[in-house]
C-alpha atoms as a PDB file:
ATOM      1  CA  MET A   1      25.765 -34.800-121.936  1.00  0.00           C
ATOM      2  CA  LEU A   2      25.510 -36.549-125.304  1.00  0.00           C
ATOM      3  CA  LYS A   3      23.439 -39.741-125.172  1.00  0.00           C
ATOM      4  CA  PRO A   4      23.746 -41.196-128.705  1.00  0.00           C
ATOM      5  CA  ASP A   5      21.874 -44.430-127.914  1.00  0.00           C
ATOM      6  CA  GLU A   6      18.919 -42.319-126.705  1.00  0.00           C
ATOM      7  CA  ASN A   7      19.202 -39.728-129.528  1.00  0.00           C
ATOM      8  CA  ALA A   8      19.414 -37.081-126.829  1.00  0.00           C
ATOM      9  CA  ILE A   9      21.493 -34.252-125.450  1.00  0.00           C
ATOM     10  CA  ASP A  10      21.061 -33.172-121.828  1.00  0.00           C
ATOM     11  CA  VAL A  11      22.750 -29.864-121.038  1.00  0.00           C
ATOM     12  CA  LYS A  12      24.001 -29.538-117.470  1.00  0.00           C
ATOM     13  CA  TYR A  13      24.468 -26.079-115.983  1.00  0.00           C
ATOM     14  CA  ILE A  14      27.671 -25.552-114.023  1.00  0.00           C
ATOM     15  CA  ASP A  15      28.142 -21.905-113.067  1.00  0.00           C
ATOM     16  CA  GLY A  16      26.961 -18.424-113.955  1.00  0.00           C
ATOM     17  CA  PRO A  17      24.013 -16.059-113.511  1.00  0.00           C
ATOM     18  CA  PHE A  18      21.348 -18.773-113.178  1.00  0.00           C
ATOM     19  CA  LYS A  19      19.981 -20.400-110.060  1.00  0.00           C
ATOM     20  CA  TYR A  20      19.373 -23.416-112.311  1.00  0.00           C
ATOM     21  CA  LEU A  21      19.196 -24.183-116.003  1.00  0.00           C
ATOM     22  CA  SER A  22      17.837 -27.365-117.551  1.00  0.00           C
ATOM     23  CA  ASN A  23      18.102 -27.896-121.295  1.00  0.00           C
ATOM     24  CA  VAL A  24      17.099 -31.099-123.069  1.00  0.00           C
ATOM     25  CA  TRP A  25      17.193 -32.035-126.760  1.00  0.00           C
ATOM     26  CA  ARG A  26      15.498 -35.179-128.105  1.00  0.00           C
ATOM     27  CA  PHE A  27      15.770 -36.371-131.710  1.00  0.00           C
ATOM     28  CA  GLU A  28      13.014 -38.699-132.893  1.00  0.00           C
ATOM     29  CA  PRO A  29      12.769 -40.402-136.290  1.00  0.00           C
ATOM     30  CA  ASP A  30      10.106 -38.740-138.416  1.00  0.00           C
ATOM     31  CA  GLY A  31       9.704 -40.026-141.953  1.00  0.00           C
ATOM     32  CA  ALA A  32      12.853 -39.218-143.922  1.00  0.00           C
ATOM     33  CA  GLY A  33      14.176 -36.838-141.255  1.00  0.00           C
ATOM     34  CA  CYS A  34      13.861 -36.336-137.553  1.00  0.00           C
ATOM     35  CA  ALA A  35      11.700 -34.366-135.166  1.00  0.00           C
ATOM     36  CA  VAL A  36      13.560 -32.221-132.636  1.00  0.00           C
ATOM     37  CA  ARG A  37      12.096 -31.849-129.153  1.00  0.00           C
ATOM     38  CA  PHE A  38      13.621 -28.945-127.250  1.00  0.00           C
ATOM     39  CA  PHE A  39      12.996 -28.085-123.604  1.00  0.00           C
ATOM     40  CA  ILE A  40      14.531 -25.329-121.515  1.00  0.00           C
ATOM     41  CA  ASP A  41      13.797 -24.172-117.987  1.00  0.00           C
ATOM     42  CA  TYR A  42      15.812 -21.665-115.999  1.00  0.00           C
ATOM     43  CA  GLU A  43      15.752 -19.144-113.190  1.00  0.00           C
ATOM     44  CA  PHE A  44      18.177 -16.294-112.618  1.00  0.00           C
ATOM     45  CA  LYS A  45      19.953 -16.065-109.255  1.00  0.00           C
ATOM     46  CA  SER A  46      19.119 -12.371-109.009  1.00  0.00           C
ATOM     47  CA  ARG A  47      15.514 -11.183-109.218  1.00  0.00           C
ATOM     48  CA  ILE A  48      16.729  -7.900-110.687  1.00  0.00           C
ATOM     49  CA  LEU A  49      18.697  -9.679-113.407  1.00  0.00           C
ATOM     50  CA  GLY A  50      15.707 -11.940-113.997  1.00  0.00           C
ATOM     51  CA  ALA A  51      13.453  -8.937-114.448  1.00  0.00           C
ATOM     52  CA  LEU A  52      15.908  -7.290-116.846  1.00  0.00           C
ATOM     53  CA  MET A  53      16.977 -10.328-118.846  1.00  0.00           C
ATOM     54  CA  GLY A  54      14.091 -12.782-118.471  1.00  0.00           C
ATOM     55  CA  THR A  55      11.924 -11.278-121.209  1.00  0.00           C
ATOM     56  CA  MET A  56      14.884 -11.133-123.580  1.00  0.00           C
ATOM     57  CA  PHE A  57      15.750 -14.794-122.931  1.00  0.00           C
ATOM     58  CA  ASP A  58      12.136 -15.867-123.391  1.00  0.00           C
ATOM     59  CA  ARG A  59      11.948 -13.975-126.697  1.00  0.00           C
ATOM     60  CA  ALA A  60      15.272 -15.401-127.900  1.00  0.00           C
ATOM     61  CA  PHE A  61      14.193 -18.973-127.169  1.00  0.00           C
ATOM     62  CA  ARG A  62      10.824 -18.400-128.841  1.00  0.00           C
ATOM     63  CA  MET A  63      12.600 -17.091-131.957  1.00  0.00           C
ATOM     64  CA  PHE A  64      14.923 -20.101-131.824  1.00  0.00           C
ATOM     65  CA  ALA A  65      11.960 -22.490-131.729  1.00  0.00           C
ATOM     66  CA  GLU A  66      10.174 -20.647-134.544  1.00  0.00           C
ATOM     67  CA  ALA A  67      13.285 -20.894-136.721  1.00  0.00           C
ATOM     68  CA  PHE A  68      13.247 -24.683-136.311  1.00  0.00           C
ATOM     69  CA  GLU A  69       9.527 -24.895-136.984  1.00  0.00           C
ATOM     70  CA  SER A  70       9.668 -22.774-140.135  1.00  0.00           C
ATOM     71  CA  ALA A  71      12.753 -24.450-141.647  1.00  0.00           C
ATOM     72  CA  PRO A  72      12.000 -25.880-145.098  1.00  0.00           C
ATOM     73  CA  THR A  73      11.689 -29.660-145.287  1.00  0.00           C
ATOM     74  CA  SER A  74      12.103 -29.969-149.070  1.00  0.00           C
ATOM     75  CA  SER A  75      15.822 -30.741-148.663  1.00  0.00           C
ATOM     76  CA  MET A  76      14.862 -34.110-147.165  1.00  0.00           C
ATOM     77  CA  VAL A  77      13.484 -35.523-150.410  1.00  0.00           C
ATOM     78  CA  SER A  78      15.804 -37.877-152.276  1.00  0.00           C
ATOM     79  CA  HIS A  79      19.399 -37.331-151.147  1.00  0.00           C
ATOM     80  CA  ARG A  80      18.831 -37.155-147.429  1.00  0.00           C
ATOM     81  CA  ARG A  81      21.774 -35.954-145.384  1.00  0.00           C
ATOM     82  CA  PRO A  82      22.284 -37.618-142.013  1.00  0.00           C
ATOM     83  CA  ASN A  83      20.159 -35.942-139.368  1.00  0.00           C
ATOM     84  CA  LEU A  84      21.723 -34.278-136.342  1.00  0.00           C
ATOM     85  CA  ALA A  85      21.253 -37.300-134.098  1.00  0.00           C
ATOM     86  CA  GLU A  86      22.961 -39.536-136.702  1.00  0.00           C
ATOM     87  CA  ARG A  87      25.850 -37.073-137.088  1.00  0.00           C
ATOM     88  CA  LEU A  88      26.275 -36.775-133.311  1.00  0.00           C
ATOM     89  CA  GLN A  89      26.209 -40.544-132.976  1.00  0.00           C
ATOM     90  CA  ALA A  90      28.870 -40.870-135.699  1.00  0.00           C
ATOM     91  CA  GLN A  91      31.037 -38.254-133.958  1.00  0.00           C
ATOM     92  CA  ALA A  92      30.649 -39.970-130.581  1.00  0.00           C
ATOM     93  CA  SER A  93      31.727 -43.302-132.061  1.00  0.00           C
ATOM     94  CA  GLY A  94      34.756 -41.661-133.710  1.00  0.00           C
ATOM     95  CA  ARG A  95      33.603 -42.396-137.261  1.00  0.00           C
ATOM     96  CA  VAL A  96      33.415 -38.707-138.250  1.00  0.00           C
ATOM     97  CA  SER A  97      35.542 -35.680-137.490  1.00  0.00           C
ATOM     98  CA  PRO A  98      33.499 -33.026-135.593  1.00  0.00           C
ATOM     99  CA  SER A  99      34.996 -30.320-137.790  1.00  0.00           C
ATOM    100  CA  ARG A 100      33.565 -31.874-140.952  1.00  0.00           C
ATOM    101  CA  GLY A 101      30.186 -32.615-139.378  1.00  0.00           C
ATOM    102  CA  GLY A 102      29.506 -35.818-141.374  1.00  0.00           C
END
């Protein structure tokens, strides 16, 4: 669920191989850009599937987080592009086409 006024995205799990899945994104102003807070918690319905896939999921999410952390910040110097929270807010208000991304 997009919450533009809170600069947040809360992902709600509906159906699939998980017993539950909670995923939260928070976007906080940080100088000329924004800090991204990412949280995920899940459990597979099947213990066997959890044993087989759990390590892979953990590794994938760790790699995902490391990619964010190691992304260069030099592009935020003088001609700052709107951050993700600003683009999502613009899309939610209908000011920007989602296909163009702002």
